[in-house]
Amino acid sequence: MGAEIAALMGFFGITGAFALIGTVLAGWMAWRIVEKAGLPGWAGLGSILLSLTAVGAVVPLILLWVFAYMRWPRDEPAPASPGYAPPPPRGPPPPTGPAILPPPPAALADGRGWKLTGVLGNGGTVALTVYGGPATYALTGALATAPTDLSVPDPSVGQPHARLMTAGQRLGLEDLGSPGGTFIDGARLLPEHGPRDISAARIIRLGSVELSLTRA
């Protein structure tokens, strides 16, 4: 409690000192104005009395306002250090909209064909190449007499034995009912099965001749 009373007394003491200084300054300024203007004595007395009442109370308020709003050195922003620059932001800038994924790359057409290679019963070898496109080839044990004949000269291969069909990047095989039989990776292919896709097959057997299927 004593600290609050002391603080109030100090505040009123400072206010009283400002009021006294303002009153003295107001009286002096009023006297100088009256003297310069050459007014009669009663006007000078009235101006002094007015300064001691109204002006004397306003002057301290003006001084307080000046001190409150004047710019002090500590109010000035601290100057930036020479040669200092803020570090750039790390990482990519934040997205400003929904992310748009690029379209997937277009798949290139596979222009390769297929190759059938194997060993005949007499020790000879055979190598056949089939290229893509809408075409049909005949696998036969006889000699080739047409551009679409693929000869596998072995007694176990029928004449004709099977049919190869190409459609784009796919390769099909159809058995034609030969006695030696047609097998795809060990599985028997019968005529009633119709054409079967052998694009992913590895071994084709015609009679007793095994042909490895690879991409040419």
C-alpha atoms as a PDB file:
ATOM      1  CA  MET A   1       0.000   0.000   0.000  1.00  0.00           C
ATOM      2  CA  GLY A   2       2.816   2.362   0.852  1.00  0.00           C
ATOM      3  CA  ALA A   3       4.390   1.801  -2.558  1.00  0.00           C
ATOM      4  CA  GLU A   4       1.132   2.792  -4.348  1.00  0.00           C
ATOM      5  CA  ILE A   5       0.818   5.966  -2.272  1.00  0.00           C
ATOM      6  CA  ALA A   6       4.429   6.871  -2.976  1.00  0.00           C
ATOM      7  CA  ALA A   7       3.861   6.308  -6.709  1.00  0.00           C
ATOM      8  CA  LEU A   8       0.744   8.541  -6.701  1.00  0.00           C
ATOM      9  CA  MET A   9       2.564  11.262  -4.807  1.00  0.00           C
ATOM     10  CA  GLY A  10       5.441  11.110  -7.279  1.00  0.00           C
ATOM     11  CA  PHE A  11       3.013  11.368 -10.216  1.00  0.00           C
ATOM     12  CA  PHE A  12       1.166  14.349  -8.769  1.00  0.00           C
ATOM     13  CA  GLY A  13       4.482  15.950  -7.893  1.00  0.00           C
ATOM     14  CA  ILE A  14       5.648  15.682 -11.510  1.00  0.00           C
ATOM     15  CA  THR A  15       2.288  16.962 -12.747  1.00  0.00           C
ATOM     16  CA  GLY A  16       2.433  19.878 -10.346  1.00  0.00           C
ATOM     17  CA  ALA A  17       5.940  20.773 -11.489  1.00  0.00           C
ATOM     18  CA  PHE A  18       4.801  20.743 -15.136  1.00  0.00           C
ATOM     19  CA  ALA A  19       1.770  22.892 -14.180  1.00  0.00           C
ATOM     20  CA  LEU A  20       3.965  25.426 -12.405  1.00  0.00           C
ATOM     21  CA  ILE A  21       6.389  25.628 -15.341  1.00  0.00           C
ATOM     22  CA  GLY A  22       3.461  25.976 -17.761  1.00  0.00           C
ATOM     23  CA  THR A  23       1.870  28.693 -15.685  1.00  0.00           C
ATOM     24  CA  VAL A  24       5.072  30.725 -15.503  1.00  0.00           C
ATOM     25  CA  LEU A  25       5.661  30.350 -19.250  1.00  0.00           C
ATOM     26  CA  ALA A  26       2.043  31.275 -20.022  1.00  0.00           C
ATOM     27  CA  GLY A  27       2.194  34.397 -17.827  1.00  0.00           C
ATOM     28  CA  TRP A  28       5.471  35.502 -19.379  1.00  0.00           C
ATOM     29  CA  MET A  29       4.197  34.977 -22.935  1.00  0.00           C
ATOM     30  CA  ALA A  30       0.949  36.878 -22.143  1.00  0.00           C
ATOM     31  CA  TRP A  31       2.871  39.790 -20.683  1.00  0.00           C
ATOM     32  CA  ARG A  32       5.181  39.975 -23.712  1.00  0.00           C
ATOM     33  CA  ILE A  33       2.230  39.894 -26.096  1.00  0.00           C
ATOM     34  CA  VAL A  34       0.413  42.687 -24.218  1.00  0.00           C
ATOM     35  CA  GLU A  35       3.587  44.774 -24.070  1.00  0.00           C
ATOM     36  CA  LYS A  36       4.250  44.363 -27.805  1.00  0.00           C
ATOM     37  CA  ALA A  37       0.638  45.174 -28.683  1.00  0.00           C
ATOM     38  CA  GLY A  38       0.550  48.335 -26.565  1.00  0.00           C
ATOM     39  CA  LEU A  39      -2.705  47.359 -24.831  1.00  0.00           C
ATOM     40  CA  PRO A  40      -3.857  49.184 -21.656  1.00  0.00           C
ATOM     41  CA  GLY A  41      -2.974  47.874 -18.227  1.00  0.00           C
ATOM     42  CA  TRP A  42      -6.327  46.219 -17.521  1.00  0.00           C
ATOM     43  CA  ALA A  43      -6.001  44.100 -20.720  1.00  0.00           C
ATOM     44  CA  GLY A  44      -2.544  42.962 -19.660  1.00  0.00           C
ATOM     45  CA  LEU A  45      -3.841  42.054 -16.223  1.00  0.00           C
ATOM     46  CA  GLY A  46      -6.772  40.117 -17.734  1.00  0.00           C
ATOM     47  CA  SER A  47      -4.498  38.243 -20.122  1.00  0.00           C
ATOM     48  CA  ILE A  48      -2.214  37.280 -17.272  1.00  0.00           C
ATOM     49  CA  LEU A  49      -5.155  36.036 -15.207  1.00  0.00           C
ATOM     50  CA  LEU A  50      -6.437  34.083 -18.207  1.00  0.00           C
ATOM     51  CA  SER A  51      -3.044  32.494 -18.724  1.00  0.00           C
ATOM     52  CA  LEU A  52      -2.897  31.522 -15.059  1.00  0.00           C
ATOM     53  CA  THR A  53      -6.243  29.699 -15.330  1.00  0.00           C
ATOM     54  CA  ALA A  54      -6.977  28.243 -18.801  1.00  0.00           C
ATOM     55  CA  VAL A  55      -3.660  28.518 -20.655  1.00  0.00           C
ATOM     56  CA  GLY A  56      -1.674  27.469 -17.606  1.00  0.00           C
ATOM     57  CA  ALA A  57      -3.622  24.220 -17.500  1.00  0.00           C
ATOM     58  CA  VAL A  58      -3.320  23.576 -21.246  1.00  0.00           C
ATOM     59  CA  VAL A  59       0.423  24.159 -21.584  1.00  0.00           C
ATOM     60  CA  PRO A  60       1.434  21.127 -19.440  1.00  0.00           C
ATOM     61  CA  LEU A  61      -0.879  18.959 -21.518  1.00  0.00           C
ATOM     62  CA  ILE A  62       0.775  20.212 -24.694  1.00  0.00           C
ATOM     63  CA  LEU A  63       4.215  19.479 -23.275  1.00  0.00           C
ATOM     64  CA  LEU A  64       3.148  15.983 -22.239  1.00  0.00           C
ATOM     65  CA  TRP A  65       1.739  15.353 -25.715  1.00  0.00           C
ATOM     66  CA  VAL A  66       4.989  16.527 -27.340  1.00  0.00           C
ATOM     67  CA  PHE A  67       7.076  14.265 -25.119  1.00  0.00           C
ATOM     68  CA  ALA A  68       4.756  11.308 -25.669  1.00  0.00           C
ATOM     69  CA  TYR A  69       4.713  11.459 -29.483  1.00  0.00           C
ATOM     70  CA  MET A  70       8.177  12.729 -30.260  1.00  0.00           C
ATOM     71  CA  ARG A  71      10.537  10.200 -31.915  1.00  0.00           C
ATOM     72  CA  TRP A  72      13.171   8.855 -29.601  1.00  0.00           C
ATOM     73  CA  PRO A  73      16.429   7.293 -30.835  1.00  0.00           C
ATOM     74  CA  ARG A  74      15.406   3.851 -29.596  1.00  0.00           C
ATOM     75  CA  ASP A  75      12.253   4.039 -31.725  1.00  0.00           C
ATOM     76  CA  GLU A  76      14.325   4.048 -34.914  1.00  0.00           C
ATOM     77  CA  PRO A  77      14.707   0.614 -36.593  1.00  0.00           C
ATOM     78  CA  ALA A  78      18.129  -0.916 -36.193  1.00  0.00           C
ATOM     79  CA  PRO A  79      20.159  -0.650 -39.420  1.00  0.00           C
ATOM     80  CA  ALA A  80      20.894  -3.912 -41.178  1.00  0.00           C
ATOM     81  CA  SER A  81      24.405  -5.230 -40.978  1.00  0.00           C
ATOM     82  CA  PRO A  82      26.401  -4.490 -44.157  1.00  0.00           C
ATOM     83  CA  GLY A  83      26.759  -7.421 -46.478  1.00  0.00           C
ATOM     84  CA  TYR A  84      24.015  -9.478 -44.796  1.00  0.00           C
ATOM     85  CA  ALA A  85      21.322 -11.065 -46.887  1.00  0.00           C
ATOM     86  CA  PRO A  86      18.593 -13.409 -45.653  1.00  0.00           C
ATOM     87  CA  PRO A  87      19.218 -17.039 -46.640  1.00  0.00           C
ATOM     88  CA  PRO A  88      17.158 -18.297 -49.583  1.00  0.00           C
ATOM     89  CA  PRO A  89      14.315 -20.709 -48.775  1.00  0.00           C
ATOM     90  CA  ARG A  90      15.246 -24.363 -48.920  1.00  0.00           C
ATOM     91  CA  GLY A  91      13.512 -26.956 -51.036  1.00  0.00           C
ATOM     92  CA  PRO A  92      11.120 -26.508 -53.953  1.00  0.00           C
ATOM     93  CA  PRO A  93       8.531 -23.745 -53.761  1.00  0.00           C
ATOM     94  CA  PRO A  94       5.171 -24.805 -52.347  1.00  0.00           C
ATOM     95  CA  PRO A  95       2.619 -25.809 -54.979  1.00  0.00           C
ATOM     96  CA  THR A  96       0.122 -23.140 -55.909  1.00  0.00           C
ATOM     97  CA  GLY A  97      -2.487 -25.497 -57.326  1.00  0.00           C
ATOM     98  CA  PRO A  98      -3.367 -29.136 -57.814  1.00  0.00           C
ATOM     99  CA  ALA A  99      -0.467 -31.257 -58.984  1.00  0.00           C
ATOM    100  CA  ILE A 100      -0.655 -32.273 -62.629  1.00  0.00           C
ATOM    101  CA  LEU A 101       1.119 -35.483 -63.542  1.00  0.00           C
ATOM    102  CA  PRO A 102       2.712 -35.699 -66.983  1.00  0.00           C
ATOM    103  CA  PRO A 103       1.117 -38.194 -69.362  1.00  0.00           C
ATOM    104  CA  PRO A 104       2.774 -41.623 -69.452  1.00  0.00           C
ATOM    105  CA  PRO A 105       5.253 -42.102 -72.280  1.00  0.00           C
ATOM    106  CA  ALA A 106       3.788 -43.785 -75.310  1.00  0.00           C
ATOM    107  CA  ALA A 107       4.869 -47.400 -75.684  1.00  0.00           C
ATOM    108  CA  LEU A 108       6.958 -48.016 -78.763  1.00  0.00           C
ATOM    109  CA  ALA A 109       5.762 -50.735 -81.055  1.00  0.00           C
ATOM    110  CA  ASP A 110       7.900 -53.865 -80.905  1.00  0.00           C
ATOM    111  CA  GLY A 111       9.046 -54.418 -84.466  1.00  0.00           C
ATOM    112  CA  ARG A 112      10.767 -57.716 -83.721  1.00  0.00           C
ATOM    113  CA  GLY A 113       9.569 -61.053 -85.015  1.00  0.00           C
ATOM    114  CA  TRP A 114       9.833 -64.607 -83.677  1.00  0.00           C
ATOM    115  CA  LYS A 115      12.481 -67.217 -84.265  1.00  0.00           C
ATOM    116  CA  LEU A 116      12.128 -71.033 -84.066  1.00  0.00           C
ATOM    117  CA  THR A 117      15.369 -73.013 -83.782  1.00  0.00           C
ATOM    118  CA  GLY A 118      15.927 -76.711 -83.150  1.00  0.00           C
ATOM    119  CA  VAL A 119      17.778 -79.937 -83.960  1.00  0.00           C
ATOM    120  CA  LEU A 120      16.384 -82.498 -86.435  1.00  0.00           C
ATOM    121  CA  GLY A 121      16.424 -86.271 -85.999  1.00  0.00           C
ATOM    122  CA  ASN A 122      19.325 -86.643 -88.466  1.00  0.00           C
ATOM    123  CA  GLY A 123      21.479 -84.178 -86.498  1.00  0.00           C
ATOM    124  CA  GLY A 124      20.792 -81.222 -88.736  1.00  0.00           C
ATOM    125  CA  THR A 125      19.509 -77.896 -87.494  1.00  0.00           C
ATOM    126  CA  VAL A 126      16.578 -75.765 -88.465  1.00  0.00           C
ATOM    127  CA  ALA A 127      16.011 -72.034 -87.995  1.00  0.00           C
ATOM    128  CA  LEU A 128      12.752 -70.356 -88.934  1.00  0.00           C
ATOM    129  CA  THR A 129      11.905 -66.671 -88.670  1.00  0.00           C
ATOM    130  CA  VAL A 130       8.374 -65.276 -88.502  1.00  0.00           C
ATOM    131  CA  TYR A 131       7.732 -61.545 -88.674  1.00  0.00           C
ATOM    132  CA  GLY A 132       4.728 -59.725 -87.279  1.00  0.00           C
ATOM    133  CA  GLY A 133       1.735 -58.655 -89.266  1.00  0.00           C
ATOM    134  CA  PRO A 134      -1.527 -60.294 -90.294  1.00  0.00           C
ATOM    135  CA  ALA A 135      -0.150 -63.433 -91.914  1.00  0.00           C
ATOM    136  CA  THR A 136      -0.499 -67.207 -91.705  1.00  0.00           C
ATOM    137  CA  TYR A 137       2.371 -69.677 -92.051  1.00  0.00           C
ATOM    138  CA  ALA A 138       2.251 -73.454 -92.548  1.00  0.00           C
ATOM    139  CA  LEU A 139       4.638 -75.661 -90.575  1.00  0.00           C
ATOM    140  CA  THR A 140       5.319 -78.708 -92.766  1.00  0.00           C
ATOM    141  CA  GLY A 141       7.777 -81.579 -93.026  1.00  0.00           C
ATOM    142  CA  ALA A 142       7.907 -81.175 -96.814  1.00  0.00           C
ATOM    143  CA  LEU A 143       9.982 -78.725 -98.783  1.00  0.00           C
ATOM    144  CA  ALA A 144       8.667 -75.164 -98.842  1.00  0.00           C
ATOM    145  CA  THR A 145       6.723 -74.432-102.018  1.00  0.00           C
ATOM    146  CA  ALA A 146       5.193 -71.096-101.030  1.00  0.00           C
ATOM    147  CA  PRO A 147       6.525 -67.975 -99.295  1.00  0.00           C
ATOM    148  CA  THR A 148       4.363 -68.796 -96.274  1.00  0.00           C
ATOM    149  CA  ASP A 149       5.641 -72.382 -95.910  1.00  0.00           C
ATOM    150  CA  LEU A 150       8.018 -73.080 -93.010  1.00  0.00           C
ATOM    151  CA  SER A 151       9.798 -76.371 -93.624  1.00  0.00           C
ATOM    152  CA  VAL A 152      10.881 -78.650 -90.782  1.00  0.00           C
ATOM    153  CA  PRO A 153      12.337 -81.590 -92.745  1.00  0.00           C
ATOM    154  CA  ASP A 154      11.843 -84.486 -90.332  1.00  0.00           C
ATOM    155  CA  PRO A 155       9.849 -87.744 -90.771  1.00  0.00           C
ATOM    156  CA  SER A 156       7.858 -87.051 -87.541  1.00  0.00           C
ATOM    157  CA  VAL A 157       6.497 -83.737 -88.895  1.00  0.00           C
ATOM    158  CA  GLY A 158       3.299 -83.884 -90.939  1.00  0.00           C
ATOM    159  CA  GLN A 159       2.696 -82.360 -94.375  1.00  0.00           C
ATOM    160  CA  PRO A 160       1.307 -79.955 -93.241  1.00  0.00           C
ATOM    161  CA  HIS A 161       1.675 -80.321 -89.482  1.00  0.00           C
ATOM    162  CA  ALA A 162       0.503 -77.052 -87.850  1.00  0.00           C
ATOM    163  CA  ARG A 163      -0.333 -73.456 -88.656  1.00  0.00           C
ATOM    164  CA  LEU A 164       1.299 -70.281 -87.267  1.00  0.00           C
ATOM    165  CA  MET A 165      -0.689 -67.026 -87.188  1.00  0.00           C
ATOM    166  CA  THR A 166       0.569 -63.524 -86.406  1.00  0.00           C
ATOM    167  CA  ALA A 167      -1.568 -60.600 -85.229  1.00  0.00           C
ATOM    168  CA  GLY A 168       0.400 -57.494 -84.268  1.00  0.00           C
ATOM    169  CA  GLN A 169       2.668 -58.490 -81.394  1.00  0.00           C
ATOM    170  CA  ARG A 170       0.997 -61.863 -80.849  1.00  0.00           C
ATOM    171  CA  LEU A 171       1.808 -65.295 -82.249  1.00  0.00           C
ATOM    172  CA  GLY A 172      -0.703 -68.132 -82.441  1.00  0.00           C
ATOM    173  CA  LEU A 173      -0.368 -71.890 -83.142  1.00  0.00           C
ATOM    174  CA  GLU A 174      -2.997 -74.338 -84.390  1.00  0.00           C
ATOM    175  CA  ASP A 175      -2.594 -78.104 -84.772  1.00  0.00           C
ATOM    176  CA  LEU A 176      -3.823 -79.596 -88.069  1.00  0.00           C
ATOM    177  CA  GLY A 177      -4.317 -83.144 -86.777  1.00  0.00           C
ATOM    178  CA  SER A 178      -0.887 -84.567 -87.564  1.00  0.00           C
ATOM    179  CA  PRO A 179      -0.098 -88.049 -86.130  1.00  0.00           C
ATOM    180  CA  GLY A 180       3.095 -86.887 -84.405  1.00  0.00           C
ATOM    181  CA  GLY A 181       1.214 -84.289 -82.323  1.00  0.00           C
ATOM    182  CA  THR A 182       1.887 -80.669 -81.416  1.00  0.00           C
ATOM    183  CA  PHE A 183       3.011 -79.606 -77.925  1.00  0.00           C
ATOM    184  CA  ILE A 184       3.361 -76.181 -76.268  1.00  0.00           C
ATOM    185  CA  ASP A 185       5.813 -76.269 -73.336  1.00  0.00           C
ATOM    186  CA  GLY A 186       4.988 -79.979 -72.881  1.00  0.00           C
ATOM    187  CA  ALA A 187       1.194 -79.606 -73.131  1.00  0.00           C
ATOM    188  CA  ARG A 188      -0.558 -81.378 -76.035  1.00  0.00           C
ATOM    189  CA  LEU A 189      -2.381 -79.115 -78.489  1.00  0.00           C
ATOM    190  CA  LEU A 190      -5.281 -80.829 -80.277  1.00  0.00           C
ATOM    191  CA  PRO A 191      -7.146 -79.594 -83.375  1.00  0.00           C
ATOM    192  CA  GLU A 192     -10.339 -79.077 -81.376  1.00  0.00           C
ATOM    193  CA  HIS A 193      -8.470 -76.602 -79.136  1.00  0.00           C
ATOM    194  CA  GLY A 194      -8.233 -74.193 -82.017  1.00  0.00           C
ATOM    195  CA  PRO A 195      -5.498 -71.520 -82.261  1.00  0.00           C
ATOM    196  CA  ARG A 196      -3.597 -70.837 -79.036  1.00  0.00           C
ATOM    197  CA  ASP A 197      -1.503 -67.792 -78.176  1.00  0.00           C
ATOM    198  CA  ILE A 198       2.148 -68.892 -77.874  1.00  0.00           C
ATOM    199  CA  SER A 199       3.718 -65.409 -77.588  1.00  0.00           C
ATOM    200  CA  ALA A 200       5.034 -66.282 -74.108  1.00  0.00           C
ATOM    201  CA  ALA A 201       5.858 -69.941 -74.839  1.00  0.00           C
ATOM    202  CA  ARG A 202       9.410 -71.276 -74.779  1.00  0.00           C
ATOM    203  CA  ILE A 203       9.385 -74.715 -76.441  1.00  0.00           C
ATOM    204  CA  ILE A 204       7.248 -75.871 -79.380  1.00  0.00           C
ATOM    205  CA  ARG A 205       7.428 -79.574 -80.288  1.00  0.00           C
ATOM    206  CA  LEU A 206       6.351 -80.859 -83.683  1.00  0.00           C
ATOM    207  CA  GLY A 207       6.486 -84.672 -83.640  1.00  0.00           C
ATOM    208  CA  SER A 208       9.924 -85.384 -82.190  1.00  0.00           C
ATOM    209  CA  VAL A 209      11.484 -82.029 -83.125  1.00  0.00           C
ATOM    210  CA  GLU A 210      11.718 -79.435 -80.334  1.00  0.00           C
ATOM    211  CA  LEU A 211      11.873 -75.830 -81.437  1.00  0.00           C
ATOM    212  CA  SER A 212      12.918 -73.032 -79.094  1.00  0.00           C
ATOM    213  CA  LEU A 213      10.763 -69.912 -79.472  1.00  0.00           C
ATOM    214  CA  THR A 214      12.561 -66.582 -79.058  1.00  0.00           C
ATOM    215  CA  ARG A 215      12.160 -63.024 -80.321  1.00  0.00           C
ATOM    216  CA  ALA A 216      14.121 -62.309 -83.459  1.00  0.00           C
END
